[in-house]
Amino acid sequence: MKRLLAVLILGLIILYLIDSAFQIDGFSPAMLGENLIRFLLGFLGLGIWVAIKRKFHFKMFLIIIFVYLLSDSIFDYFMGIDDLFEMSLHDLYIFCWGTLAGFVFVKCVLKKVEK
């Protein structure tokens, strides 16, 4: 579980730096909700799925990320966000961070079950 805690803390630090660089207010209620949804989609959707299936199809992973980012960019466009490229990078980071955290979580749980 130390790895999971390290992934979460390091991810929060990097997220804070990205938010500062792109001048995004990450602590507003709307952004907190959207970031939580992105993180959980990565955590549950890909992180746990890849870890349980134990197969990693890189092409499928890229297609899922592309579809997610495209739909989220369309949503951001209708919400009136001007910097779509920066928000897409921000969303991609949160999604990949959630995926990594989900993968590490399942690996930690599987290690405890095997003992």
PDB file of N, CA and C in Angstrom:
ATOM      1  N   MET A   1       0.807  -1.193   0.000  1.00  0.00           N
ATOM      2  CA  MET A   1       0.000   0.000   0.000  1.00  0.00           C
ATOM      3  C   MET A   1       0.860   1.270   0.000  1.00  0.00           C
ATOM      4  N   LYS A   2       2.130   1.107   0.324  1.00  0.00           N
ATOM      5  CA  LYS A   2       3.010   2.270   0.285  1.00  0.00           C
ATOM      6  C   LYS A   2       3.183   2.778  -1.137  1.00  0.00           C
ATOM      7  N   ARG A   3       3.185   1.856  -2.106  1.00  0.00           N
ATOM      8  CA  ARG A   3       3.296   2.273  -3.507  1.00  0.00           C
ATOM      9  C   ARG A   3       2.075   3.074  -3.931  1.00  0.00           C
ATOM     10  N   LEU A   4       0.907   2.613  -3.524  1.00  0.00           N
ATOM     11  CA  LEU A   4      -0.317   3.328  -3.873  1.00  0.00           C
ATOM     12  C   LEU A   4      -0.315   4.721  -3.257  1.00  0.00           C
ATOM     13  N   LEU A   5       0.081   4.820  -2.004  1.00  0.00           N
ATOM     14  CA  LEU A   5       0.157   6.119  -1.348  1.00  0.00           C
ATOM     15  C   LEU A   5       1.171   7.021  -2.041  1.00  0.00           C
ATOM     16  N   ALA A   6       2.299   6.456  -2.453  1.00  0.00           N
ATOM     17  CA  ALA A   6       3.317   7.242  -3.160  1.00  0.00           C
ATOM     18  C   ALA A   6       2.791   7.719  -4.511  1.00  0.00           C
ATOM     19  N   VAL A   7       2.065   6.856  -5.231  1.00  0.00           N
ATOM     20  CA  VAL A   7       1.491   7.245  -6.529  1.00  0.00           C
ATOM     21  C   VAL A   7       0.477   8.364  -6.334  1.00  0.00           C
ATOM     22  N   LEU A   8      -0.354   8.254  -5.307  1.00  0.00           N
ATOM     23  CA  LEU A   8      -1.376   9.279  -5.072  1.00  0.00           C
ATOM     24  C   LEU A   8      -0.766  10.622  -4.670  1.00  0.00           C
ATOM     25  N   ILE A   9       0.210  10.593  -3.771  1.00  0.00           N
ATOM     26  CA  ILE A   9       0.834  11.846  -3.317  1.00  0.00           C
ATOM     27  C   ILE A   9       1.643  12.492  -4.437  1.00  0.00           C
ATOM     28  N   LEU A  10       2.437  11.705  -5.140  1.00  0.00           N
ATOM     29  CA  LEU A  10       3.218  12.250  -6.249  1.00  0.00           C
ATOM     30  C   LEU A  10       2.297  12.786  -7.344  1.00  0.00           C
ATOM     31  N   GLY A  11       1.201  12.087  -7.599  1.00  0.00           N
ATOM     32  CA  GLY A  11       0.230  12.553  -8.591  1.00  0.00           C
ATOM     33  C   GLY A  11      -0.410  13.867  -8.202  1.00  0.00           C
ATOM     34  N   LEU A  12      -0.728  14.035  -6.917  1.00  0.00           N
ATOM     35  CA  LEU A  12      -1.304  15.304  -6.451  1.00  0.00           C
ATOM     36  C   LEU A  12      -0.316  16.448  -6.597  1.00  0.00           C
ATOM     37  N   ILE A  13       0.947  16.183  -6.311  1.00  0.00           N
ATOM     38  CA  ILE A  13       1.965  17.230  -6.446  1.00  0.00           C
ATOM     39  C   ILE A  13       2.109  17.645  -7.907  1.00  0.00           C
ATOM     40  N   ILE A  14       2.169  16.666  -8.799  1.00  0.00           N
ATOM     41  CA  ILE A  14       2.298  16.977 -10.224  1.00  0.00           C
ATOM     42  C   ILE A  14       1.046  17.680 -10.727  1.00  0.00           C
ATOM     43  N   LEU A  15      -0.133  17.261 -10.244  1.00  0.00           N
ATOM     44  CA  LEU A  15      -1.379  17.925 -10.641  1.00  0.00           C
ATOM     45  C   LEU A  15      -1.380  19.385 -10.199  1.00  0.00           C
ATOM     46  N   TYR A  16      -0.891  19.653  -8.997  1.00  0.00           N
ATOM     47  CA  TYR A  16      -0.803  21.031  -8.522  1.00  0.00           C
ATOM     48  C   TYR A  16       0.127  21.854  -9.420  1.00  0.00           C
ATOM     49  N   LEU A  17       1.262  21.269  -9.811  1.00  0.00           N
ATOM     50  CA  LEU A  17       2.197  21.978 -10.682  1.00  0.00           C
ATOM     51  C   LEU A  17       1.593  22.236 -12.063  1.00  0.00           C
ATOM     52  N   ILE A  18       0.864  21.253 -12.596  1.00  0.00           N
ATOM     53  CA  ILE A  18       0.205  21.435 -13.898  1.00  0.00           C
ATOM     54  C   ILE A  18      -0.872  22.509 -13.797  1.00  0.00           C
ATOM     55  N   ASP A  19      -1.656  22.471 -12.725  1.00  0.00           N
ATOM     56  CA  ASP A  19      -2.684  23.503 -12.534  1.00  0.00           C
ATOM     57  C   ASP A  19      -2.064  24.894 -12.431  1.00  0.00           C
ATOM     58  N   SER A  20      -0.930  24.990 -11.757  1.00  0.00           N
ATOM     59  CA  SER A  20      -0.249  26.283 -11.642  1.00  0.00           C
ATOM     60  C   SER A  20       0.307  26.742 -12.981  1.00  0.00           C
ATOM     61  N   ALA A  21       0.862  25.816 -13.751  1.00  0.00           N
ATOM     62  CA  ALA A  21       1.444  26.180 -15.043  1.00  0.00           C
ATOM     63  C   ALA A  21       0.373  26.628 -16.035  1.00  0.00           C
ATOM     64  N   PHE A  22      -0.768  25.952 -16.034  1.00  0.00           N
ATOM     65  CA  PHE A  22      -1.836  26.302 -16.961  1.00  0.00           C
ATOM     66  C   PHE A  22      -2.813  27.328 -16.385  1.00  0.00           C
ATOM     67  N   GLN A  23      -2.556  27.764 -15.157  1.00  0.00           N
ATOM     68  CA  GLN A  23      -3.397  28.743 -14.459  1.00  0.00           C
ATOM     69  C   GLN A  23      -4.853  28.270 -14.391  1.00  0.00           C
ATOM     70  N   ILE A  24      -5.031  27.049 -13.895  1.00  0.00           N
ATOM     71  CA  ILE A  24      -6.341  26.438 -13.726  1.00  0.00           C
ATOM     72  C   ILE A  24      -6.667  26.444 -12.247  1.00  0.00           C
ATOM     73  N   ASP A  25      -7.875  26.865 -11.905  1.00  0.00           N
ATOM     74  CA  ASP A  25      -8.317  26.833 -10.514  1.00  0.00           C
ATOM     75  C   ASP A  25      -8.826  25.424 -10.222  1.00  0.00           C
ATOM     76  N   GLY A  26      -7.950  24.569  -9.751  1.00  0.00           N
ATOM     77  CA  GLY A  26      -8.282  23.177  -9.519  1.00  0.00           C
ATOM     78  C   GLY A  26      -9.102  22.930  -8.273  1.00  0.00           C
ATOM     79  N   PHE A  27      -9.274  23.953  -7.435  1.00  0.00           N
ATOM     80  CA  PHE A  27     -10.005  23.762  -6.191  1.00  0.00           C
ATOM     81  C   PHE A  27     -11.419  24.323  -6.226  1.00  0.00           C
ATOM     82  N   SER A  28     -11.869  24.744  -7.391  1.00  0.00           N
ATOM     83  CA  SER A  28     -13.259  25.169  -7.498  1.00  0.00           C
ATOM     84  C   SER A  28     -14.143  23.925  -7.475  1.00  0.00           C
ATOM     85  N   PRO A  29     -15.354  24.048  -6.984  1.00  0.00           N
ATOM     86  CA  PRO A  29     -16.218  22.853  -6.899  1.00  0.00           C
ATOM     87  C   PRO A  29     -16.454  22.174  -8.246  1.00  0.00           C
ATOM     88  N   ALA A  30     -16.575  22.943  -9.308  1.00  0.00           N
ATOM     89  CA  ALA A  30     -16.803  22.343 -10.630  1.00  0.00           C
ATOM     90  C   ALA A  30     -15.588  21.548 -11.081  1.00  0.00           C
ATOM     91  N   MET A  31     -14.400  22.100 -10.916  1.00  0.00           N
ATOM     92  CA  MET A  31     -13.183  21.398 -11.339  1.00  0.00           C
ATOM     93  C   MET A  31     -12.898  20.187 -10.451  1.00  0.00           C
ATOM     94  N   LEU A  32     -13.177  20.301  -9.158  1.00  0.00           N
ATOM     95  CA  LEU A  32     -12.965  19.150  -8.288  1.00  0.00           C
ATOM     96  C   LEU A  32     -13.847  17.980  -8.710  1.00  0.00           C
ATOM     97  N   GLY A  33     -15.094  18.270  -9.039  1.00  0.00           N
ATOM     98  CA  GLY A  33     -16.007  17.220  -9.494  1.00  0.00           C
ATOM     99  C   GLY A  33     -15.571  16.602 -10.807  1.00  0.00           C
ATOM    100  N   GLU A  34     -15.186  17.446 -11.762  1.00  0.00           N
ATOM    101  CA  GLU A  34     -14.743  16.923 -13.055  1.00  0.00           C
ATOM    102  C   GLU A  34     -13.448  16.138 -12.927  1.00  0.00           C
ATOM    103  N   ASN A  35     -12.526  16.632 -12.114  1.00  0.00           N
ATOM    104  CA  ASN A  35     -11.261  15.911 -11.919  1.00  0.00           C
ATOM    105  C   ASN A  35     -11.500  14.563 -11.240  1.00  0.00           C
ATOM    106  N   LEU A  36     -12.432  14.526 -10.296  1.00  0.00           N
ATOM    107  CA  LEU A  36     -12.749  13.270  -9.622  1.00  0.00           C
ATOM    108  C   LEU A  36     -13.341  12.264 -10.601  1.00  0.00           C
ATOM    109  N   ILE A  37     -14.208  12.729 -11.486  1.00  0.00           N
ATOM    110  CA  ILE A  37     -14.792  11.836 -12.491  1.00  0.00           C
ATOM    111  C   ILE A  37     -13.707  11.300 -13.419  1.00  0.00           C
ATOM    112  N   ARG A  38     -12.807  12.174 -13.871  1.00  0.00           N
ATOM    113  CA  ARG A  38     -11.717  11.735 -14.757  1.00  0.00           C
ATOM    114  C   ARG A  38     -10.811  10.724 -14.065  1.00  0.00           C
ATOM    115  N   PHE A  39     -10.488  11.000 -12.809  1.00  0.00           N
ATOM    116  CA  PHE A  39      -9.621  10.098 -12.058  1.00  0.00           C
ATOM    117  C   PHE A  39     -10.287   8.736 -11.873  1.00  0.00           C
ATOM    118  N   LEU A  40     -11.558   8.747 -11.480  1.00  0.00           N
ATOM    119  CA  LEU A  40     -12.260   7.484 -11.250  1.00  0.00           C
ATOM    120  C   LEU A  40     -12.475   6.692 -12.534  1.00  0.00           C
ATOM    121  N   LEU A  41     -12.698   7.390 -13.653  1.00  0.00           N
ATOM    122  CA  LEU A  41     -12.796   6.680 -14.929  1.00  0.00           C
ATOM    123  C   LEU A  41     -11.498   5.969 -15.255  1.00  0.00           C
ATOM    124  N   GLY A  42     -10.387   6.632 -15.024  1.00  0.00           N
ATOM    125  CA  GLY A  42      -9.093   5.991 -15.247  1.00  0.00           C
ATOM    126  C   GLY A  42      -8.836   4.876 -14.252  1.00  0.00           C
ATOM    127  N   PHE A  43      -9.170   5.138 -12.986  1.00  0.00           N
ATOM    128  CA  PHE A  43      -8.932   4.172 -11.914  1.00  0.00           C
ATOM    129  C   PHE A  43      -9.748   2.904 -12.123  1.00  0.00           C
ATOM    130  N   LEU A  44     -11.042   3.063 -12.281  1.00  0.00           N
ATOM    131  CA  LEU A  44     -11.925   1.907 -12.414  1.00  0.00           C
ATOM    132  C   LEU A  44     -11.926   1.342 -13.829  1.00  0.00           C
ATOM    133  N   GLY A  45     -11.980   2.238 -14.797  1.00  0.00           N
ATOM    134  CA  GLY A  45     -12.138   1.800 -16.169  1.00  0.00           C
ATOM    135  C   GLY A  45     -10.944   1.089 -16.729  1.00  0.00           C
ATOM    136  N   LEU A  46      -9.800   1.690 -16.627  1.00  0.00           N
ATOM    137  CA  LEU A  46      -8.617   1.085 -17.250  1.00  0.00           C
ATOM    138  C   LEU A  46      -7.665   0.441 -16.249  1.00  0.00           C
ATOM    139  N   GLY A  47      -7.430   1.091 -15.125  1.00  0.00           N
ATOM    140  CA  GLY A  47      -6.449   0.565 -14.176  1.00  0.00           C
ATOM    141  C   GLY A  47      -6.807  -0.806 -13.661  1.00  0.00           C
ATOM    142  N   ILE A  48      -8.021  -0.948 -13.179  1.00  0.00           N
ATOM    143  CA  ILE A  48      -8.448  -2.237 -12.639  1.00  0.00           C
ATOM    144  C   ILE A  48      -8.681  -3.235 -13.765  1.00  0.00           C
ATOM    145  N   TRP A  49      -9.236  -2.774 -14.887  1.00  0.00           N
ATOM    146  CA  TRP A  49      -9.499  -3.662 -16.016  1.00  0.00           C
ATOM    147  C   TRP A  49      -8.213  -4.298 -16.546  1.00  0.00           C
ATOM    148  N   VAL A  50      -7.182  -3.487 -16.708  1.00  0.00           N
ATOM    149  CA  VAL A  50      -5.901  -4.000 -17.216  1.00  0.00           C
ATOM    150  C   VAL A  50      -5.269  -4.936 -16.202  1.00  0.00           C
ATOM    151  N   ALA A  51      -5.337  -4.589 -14.922  1.00  0.00           N
ATOM    152  CA  ALA A  51      -4.693  -5.408 -13.904  1.00  0.00           C
ATOM    153  C   ALA A  51      -5.403  -6.750 -13.729  1.00  0.00           C
ATOM    154  N   ILE A  52      -6.727  -6.773 -13.823  1.00  0.00           N
ATOM    155  CA  ILE A  52      -7.449  -8.025 -13.630  1.00  0.00           C
ATOM    156  C   ILE A  52      -7.349  -8.911 -14.862  1.00  0.00           C
ATOM    157  N   LYS A  53      -7.487  -8.333 -16.041  1.00  0.00           N
ATOM    158  CA  LYS A  53      -7.408  -9.124 -17.271  1.00  0.00           C
ATOM    159  C   LYS A  53      -5.984  -9.632 -17.504  1.00  0.00           C
ATOM    160  N   ARG A  54      -5.008  -8.906 -16.986  1.00  0.00           N
ATOM    161  CA  ARG A  54      -3.590  -9.234 -17.140  1.00  0.00           C
ATOM    162  C   ARG A  54      -3.152  -9.259 -18.594  1.00  0.00           C
ATOM    163  N   LYS A  55      -3.902  -8.571 -19.411  1.00  0.00           N
ATOM    164  CA  LYS A  55      -3.530  -8.394 -20.811  1.00  0.00           C
ATOM    165  C   LYS A  55      -3.555  -6.906 -21.088  1.00  0.00           C
ATOM    166  N   PHE A  56      -2.579  -6.452 -21.795  1.00  0.00           N
ATOM    167  CA  PHE A  56      -2.487  -5.036 -22.109  1.00  0.00           C
ATOM    168  C   PHE A  56      -2.480  -4.884 -23.615  1.00  0.00           C
ATOM    169  N   HIS A  57      -3.592  -4.452 -24.144  1.00  0.00           N
ATOM    170  CA  HIS A  57      -3.695  -4.194 -25.568  1.00  0.00           C
ATOM    171  C   HIS A  57      -3.494  -2.703 -25.776  1.00  0.00           C
ATOM    172  N   PHE A  58      -2.316  -2.333 -26.215  1.00  0.00           N
ATOM    173  CA  PHE A  58      -1.958  -0.926 -26.323  1.00  0.00           C
ATOM    174  C   PHE A  58      -2.879  -0.185 -27.284  1.00  0.00           C
ATOM    175  N   LYS A  59      -3.262  -0.841 -28.375  1.00  0.00           N
ATOM    176  CA  LYS A  59      -4.140  -0.204 -29.353  1.00  0.00           C
ATOM    177  C   LYS A  59      -5.501   0.110 -28.728  1.00  0.00           C
ATOM    178  N   MET A  60      -6.051  -0.818 -27.964  1.00  0.00           N
ATOM    179  CA  MET A  60      -7.336  -0.598 -27.303  1.00  0.00           C
ATOM    180  C   MET A  60      -7.225   0.514 -26.266  1.00  0.00           C
ATOM    181  N   PHE A  61      -6.118   0.546 -25.544  1.00  0.00           N
ATOM    182  CA  PHE A  61      -5.862   1.590 -24.560  1.00  0.00           C
ATOM    183  C   PHE A  61      -5.853   2.964 -25.229  1.00  0.00           C
ATOM    184  N   LEU A  62      -5.169   3.077 -26.362  1.00  0.00           N
ATOM    185  CA  LEU A  62      -5.117   4.356 -27.073  1.00  0.00           C
ATOM    186  C   LEU A  62      -6.479   4.764 -27.621  1.00  0.00           C
ATOM    187  N   ILE A  63      -7.245   3.812 -28.105  1.00  0.00           N
ATOM    188  CA  ILE A  63      -8.581   4.129 -28.613  1.00  0.00           C
ATOM    189  C   ILE A  63      -9.480   4.634 -27.500  1.00  0.00           C
ATOM    190  N   ILE A  64      -9.439   3.993 -26.349  1.00  0.00           N
ATOM    191  CA  ILE A  64     -10.266   4.432 -25.221  1.00  0.00           C
ATOM    192  C   ILE A  64      -9.873   5.832 -24.780  1.00  0.00           C
ATOM    193  N   ILE A  65      -8.579   6.105 -24.680  1.00  0.00           N
ATOM    194  CA  ILE A  65      -8.126   7.441 -24.277  1.00  0.00           C
ATOM    195  C   ILE A  65      -8.529   8.481 -25.320  1.00  0.00           C
ATOM    196  N   PHE A  66      -8.374   8.153 -26.597  1.00  0.00           N
ATOM    197  CA  PHE A  66      -8.740   9.093 -27.654  1.00  0.00           C
ATOM    198  C   PHE A  66     -10.233   9.418 -27.619  1.00  0.00           C
ATOM    199  N   VAL A  67     -11.074   8.412 -27.486  1.00  0.00           N
ATOM    200  CA  VAL A  67     -12.523   8.643 -27.434  1.00  0.00           C
ATOM    201  C   VAL A  67     -12.886   9.471 -26.199  1.00  0.00           C
ATOM    202  N   TYR A  68     -12.274   9.155 -25.076  1.00  0.00           N
ATOM    203  CA  TYR A  68     -12.549   9.913 -23.858  1.00  0.00           C
ATOM    204  C   TYR A  68     -12.128  11.373 -24.010  1.00  0.00           C
ATOM    205  N   LEU A  69     -10.920  11.613 -24.510  1.00  0.00           N
ATOM    206  CA  LEU A  69     -10.436  12.991 -24.653  1.00  0.00           C
ATOM    207  C   LEU A  69     -11.250  13.774 -25.677  1.00  0.00           C
ATOM    208  N   LEU A  70     -11.648  13.119 -26.745  1.00  0.00           N
ATOM    209  CA  LEU A  70     -12.463  13.791 -27.751  1.00  0.00           C
ATOM    210  C   LEU A  70     -13.818  14.188 -27.173  1.00  0.00           C
ATOM    211  N   SER A  71     -14.463  13.279 -26.462  1.00  0.00           N
ATOM    212  CA  SER A  71     -15.760  13.615 -25.874  1.00  0.00           C
ATOM    213  C   SER A  71     -15.629  14.692 -24.804  1.00  0.00           C
ATOM    214  N   ASP A  72     -14.549  14.646 -24.029  1.00  0.00           N
ATOM    215  CA  ASP A  72     -14.351  15.656 -23.003  1.00  0.00           C
ATOM    216  C   ASP A  72     -14.014  17.014 -23.613  1.00  0.00           C
ATOM    217  N   SER A  73     -13.282  17.031 -24.717  1.00  0.00           N
ATOM    218  CA  SER A  73     -12.989  18.294 -25.401  1.00  0.00           C
ATOM    219  C   SER A  73     -14.255  18.914 -25.983  1.00  0.00           C
ATOM    220  N   ILE A  74     -15.131  18.086 -26.507  1.00  0.00           N
ATOM    221  CA  ILE A  74     -16.420  18.595 -27.009  1.00  0.00           C
ATOM    222  C   ILE A  74     -17.227  19.178 -25.863  1.00  0.00           C
ATOM    223  N   PHE A  75     -17.235  18.495 -24.719  1.00  0.00           N
ATOM    224  CA  PHE A  75     -17.930  19.006 -23.538  1.00  0.00           C
ATOM    225  C   PHE A  75     -17.327  20.336 -23.081  1.00  0.00           C
ATOM    226  N   ASP A  76     -15.996  20.423 -23.052  1.00  0.00           N
ATOM    227  CA  ASP A  76     -15.334  21.668 -22.657  1.00  0.00           C
ATOM    228  C   ASP A  76     -15.643  22.801 -23.631  1.00  0.00           C
ATOM    229  N   TYR A  77     -15.739  22.484 -24.905  1.00  0.00           N
ATOM    230  CA  TYR A  77     -16.064  23.501 -25.909  1.00  0.00           C
ATOM    231  C   TYR A  77     -17.455  24.085 -25.649  1.00  0.00           C
ATOM    232  N   PHE A  78     -18.407  23.232 -25.345  1.00  0.00           N
ATOM    233  CA  PHE A  78     -19.758  23.716 -25.075  1.00  0.00           C
ATOM    234  C   PHE A  78     -19.857  24.430 -23.727  1.00  0.00           C
ATOM    235  N   MET A  79     -18.924  24.165 -22.834  1.00  0.00           N
ATOM    236  CA  MET A  79     -18.899  24.870 -21.549  1.00  0.00           C
ATOM    237  C   MET A  79     -18.220  26.233 -21.673  1.00  0.00           C
ATOM    238  N   GLY A  80     -17.613  26.505 -22.823  1.00  0.00           N
ATOM    239  CA  GLY A  80     -17.015  27.809 -23.066  1.00  0.00           C
ATOM    240  C   GLY A  80     -15.567  27.927 -22.629  1.00  0.00           C
ATOM    241  N   ILE A  81     -14.853  26.842 -22.532  1.00  0.00           N
ATOM    242  CA  ILE A  81     -13.440  26.885 -22.147  1.00  0.00           C
ATOM    243  C   ILE A  81     -12.615  27.231 -23.378  1.00  0.00           C
ATOM    244  N   ASP A  82     -11.739  28.228 -23.235  1.00  0.00           N
ATOM    245  CA  ASP A  82     -10.989  28.738 -24.381  1.00  0.00           C
ATOM    246  C   ASP A  82      -9.768  27.890 -24.737  1.00  0.00           C
ATOM    247  N   ASP A  83      -9.032  27.432 -23.744  1.00  0.00           N
ATOM    248  CA  ASP A  83      -7.778  26.710 -23.977  1.00  0.00           C
ATOM    249  C   ASP A  83      -8.036  25.214 -24.024  1.00  0.00           C
ATOM    250  N   LEU A  84      -8.502  24.731 -25.167  1.00  0.00           N
ATOM    251  CA  LEU A  84      -8.844  23.316 -25.277  1.00  0.00           C
ATOM    252  C   LEU A  84      -7.613  22.421 -25.247  1.00  0.00           C
ATOM    253  N   PHE A  85      -6.489  22.884 -25.807  1.00  0.00           N
ATOM    254  CA  PHE A  85      -5.277  22.070 -25.807  1.00  0.00           C
ATOM    255  C   PHE A  85      -4.752  21.865 -24.386  1.00  0.00           C
ATOM    256  N   GLU A  86      -4.707  22.942 -23.617  1.00  0.00           N
ATOM    257  CA  GLU A  86      -4.226  22.834 -22.243  1.00  0.00           C
ATOM    258  C   GLU A  86      -5.152  21.963 -21.407  1.00  0.00           C
ATOM    259  N   MET A  87      -6.457  22.118 -21.595  1.00  0.00           N
ATOM    260  CA  MET A  87      -7.400  21.298 -20.837  1.00  0.00           C
ATOM    261  C   MET A  87      -7.307  19.829 -21.256  1.00  0.00           C
ATOM    262  N   SER A  88      -7.031  19.590 -22.533  1.00  0.00           N
ATOM    263  CA  SER A  88      -6.877  18.202 -22.980  1.00  0.00           C
ATOM    264  C   SER A  88      -5.647  17.556 -22.351  1.00  0.00           C
ATOM    265  N   LEU A  89      -4.558  18.301 -22.245  1.00  0.00           N
ATOM    266  CA  LEU A  89      -3.365  17.779 -21.567  1.00  0.00           C
ATOM    267  C   LEU A  89      -3.641  17.536 -20.083  1.00  0.00           C
ATOM    268  N   HIS A  90      -4.356  18.463 -19.474  1.00  0.00           N
ATOM    269  CA  HIS A  90      -4.732  18.342 -18.066  1.00  0.00           C
ATOM    270  C   HIS A  90      -5.603  17.095 -17.860  1.00  0.00           C
ATOM    271  N   ASP A  91      -6.586  16.909 -18.730  1.00  0.00           N
ATOM    272  CA  ASP A  91      -7.476  15.752 -18.630  1.00  0.00           C
ATOM    273  C   ASP A  91      -6.727  14.451 -18.870  1.00  0.00           C
ATOM    274  N   LEU A  92      -5.826  14.449 -19.832  1.00  0.00           N
ATOM    275  CA  LEU A  92      -5.031  13.264 -20.125  1.00  0.00           C
ATOM    276  C   LEU A  92      -4.172  12.874 -18.932  1.00  0.00           C
ATOM    277  N   TYR A  93      -3.581  13.856 -18.265  1.00  0.00           N
ATOM    278  CA  TYR A  93      -2.760  13.565 -17.098  1.00  0.00           C
ATOM    279  C   TYR A  93      -3.608  12.929 -15.991  1.00  0.00           C
ATOM    280  N   ILE A  94      -4.757  13.513 -15.706  1.00  0.00           N
ATOM    281  CA  ILE A  94      -5.594  12.985 -14.621  1.00  0.00           C
ATOM    282  C   ILE A  94      -6.069  11.572 -14.954  1.00  0.00           C
ATOM    283  N   PHE A  95      -6.455  11.355 -16.199  1.00  0.00           N
ATOM    284  CA  PHE A  95      -6.915  10.040 -16.620  1.00  0.00           C
ATOM    285  C   PHE A  95      -5.797   9.000 -16.497  1.00  0.00           C
ATOM    286  N   CYS A  96      -4.600   9.330 -16.945  1.00  0.00           N
ATOM    287  CA  CYS A  96      -3.463   8.396 -16.857  1.00  0.00           C
ATOM    288  C   CYS A  96      -3.027   8.189 -15.407  1.00  0.00           C
ATOM    289  N   TRP A  97      -3.114   9.217 -14.599  1.00  0.00           N
ATOM    290  CA  TRP A  97      -2.791   9.094 -13.178  1.00  0.00           C
ATOM    291  C   TRP A  97      -3.775   8.148 -12.499  1.00  0.00           C
ATOM    292  N   GLY A  98      -5.048   8.273 -12.819  1.00  0.00           N
ATOM    293  CA  GLY A  98      -6.049   7.362 -12.278  1.00  0.00           C
ATOM    294  C   GLY A  98      -5.817   5.933 -12.732  1.00  0.00           C
ATOM    295  N   THR A  99      -5.421   5.767 -13.993  1.00  0.00           N
ATOM    296  CA  THR A  99      -5.125   4.438 -14.514  1.00  0.00           C
ATOM    297  C   THR A  99      -3.955   3.807 -13.771  1.00  0.00           C
ATOM    298  N   LEU A 100      -2.899   4.567 -13.570  1.00  0.00           N
ATOM    299  CA  LEU A 100      -1.738   4.063 -12.845  1.00  0.00           C
ATOM    300  C   LEU A 100      -2.095   3.727 -11.403  1.00  0.00           C
ATOM    301  N   ALA A 101      -2.882   4.576 -10.756  1.00  0.00           N
ATOM    302  CA  ALA A 101      -3.289   4.317  -9.370  1.00  0.00           C
ATOM    303  C   ALA A 101      -4.152   3.062  -9.280  1.00  0.00           C
ATOM    304  N   GLY A 102      -5.062   2.866 -10.222  1.00  0.00           N
ATOM    305  CA  GLY A 102      -5.893   1.662 -10.220  1.00  0.00           C
ATOM    306  C   GLY A 102      -5.064   0.407 -10.433  1.00  0.00           C
ATOM    307  N   PHE A 103      -4.107   0.482 -11.327  1.00  0.00           N
ATOM    308  CA  PHE A 103      -3.225  -0.653 -11.592  1.00  0.00           C
ATOM    309  C   PHE A 103      -2.408  -1.004 -10.355  1.00  0.00           C
ATOM    310  N   VAL A 104      -1.838  -0.003  -9.701  1.00  0.00           N
ATOM    311  CA  VAL A 104      -1.039  -0.234  -8.496  1.00  0.00           C
ATOM    312  C   VAL A 104      -1.927  -0.765  -7.362  1.00  0.00           C
ATOM    313  N   PHE A 105      -3.157  -0.251  -7.253  1.00  0.00           N
ATOM    314  CA  PHE A 105      -4.087  -0.719  -6.229  1.00  0.00           C
ATOM    315  C   PHE A 105      -4.377  -2.210  -6.383  1.00  0.00           C
ATOM    316  N   VAL A 106      -4.682  -2.634  -7.603  1.00  0.00           N
ATOM    317  CA  VAL A 106      -4.980  -4.050  -7.824  1.00  0.00           C
ATOM    318  C   VAL A 106      -3.756  -4.909  -7.564  1.00  0.00           C
ATOM    319  N   LYS A 107      -2.593  -4.443  -7.953  1.00  0.00           N
ATOM    320  CA  LYS A 107      -1.371  -5.207  -7.703  1.00  0.00           C
ATOM    321  C   LYS A 107      -1.125  -5.348  -6.207  1.00  0.00           C
ATOM    322  N   CYS A 108      -1.382  -4.297  -5.419  1.00  0.00           N
ATOM    323  CA  CYS A 108      -1.219  -4.373  -3.967  1.00  0.00           C
ATOM    324  C   CYS A 108      -2.220  -5.340  -3.346  1.00  0.00           C
ATOM    325  N   VAL A 109      -3.464  -5.302  -3.809  1.00  0.00           N
ATOM    326  CA  VAL A 109      -4.484  -6.203  -3.291  1.00  0.00           C
ATOM    327  C   VAL A 109      -4.138  -7.650  -3.639  1.00  0.00           C
ATOM    328  N   LEU A 110      -3.682  -7.893  -4.868  1.00  0.00           N
ATOM    329  CA  LEU A 110      -3.323  -9.258  -5.269  1.00  0.00           C
ATOM    330  C   LEU A 110      -2.143  -9.798  -4.461  1.00  0.00           C
ATOM    331  N   LYS A 111      -1.192  -8.922  -4.110  1.00  0.00           N
ATOM    332  CA  LYS A 111      -0.056  -9.358  -3.285  1.00  0.00           C
ATOM    333  C   LYS A 111      -0.524  -9.765  -1.891  1.00  0.00           C
ATOM    334  N   LYS A 112      -1.491  -9.020  -1.320  1.00  0.00           N
ATOM    335  CA  LYS A 112      -1.985  -9.345   0.016  1.00  0.00           C
ATOM    336  C   LYS A 112      -2.805 -10.621  -0.008  1.00  0.00           C
ATOM    337  N   VAL A 113      -3.529 -10.868  -1.088  1.00  0.00           N
ATOM    338  CA  VAL A 113      -4.338 -12.073  -1.201  1.00  0.00           C
ATOM    339  C   VAL A 113      -3.440 -13.302  -1.344  1.00  0.00           C
ATOM    340  N   GLU A 114      -2.330 -13.163  -2.072  1.00  0.00           N
ATOM    341  CA  GLU A 114      -1.419 -14.280  -2.289  1.00  0.00           C
ATOM    342  C   GLU A 114      -0.686 -14.688  -1.032  1.00  0.00           C
ATOM    343  N   LYS A 115      -0.527 -13.777  -0.083  1.00  0.00           N
ATOM    344  CA  LYS A 115       0.225 -14.088   1.152  1.00  0.00           C
ATOM    345  C   LYS A 115      -0.546 -14.973   2.049  1.00  0.00           C
TER     346      LYS A 115
END
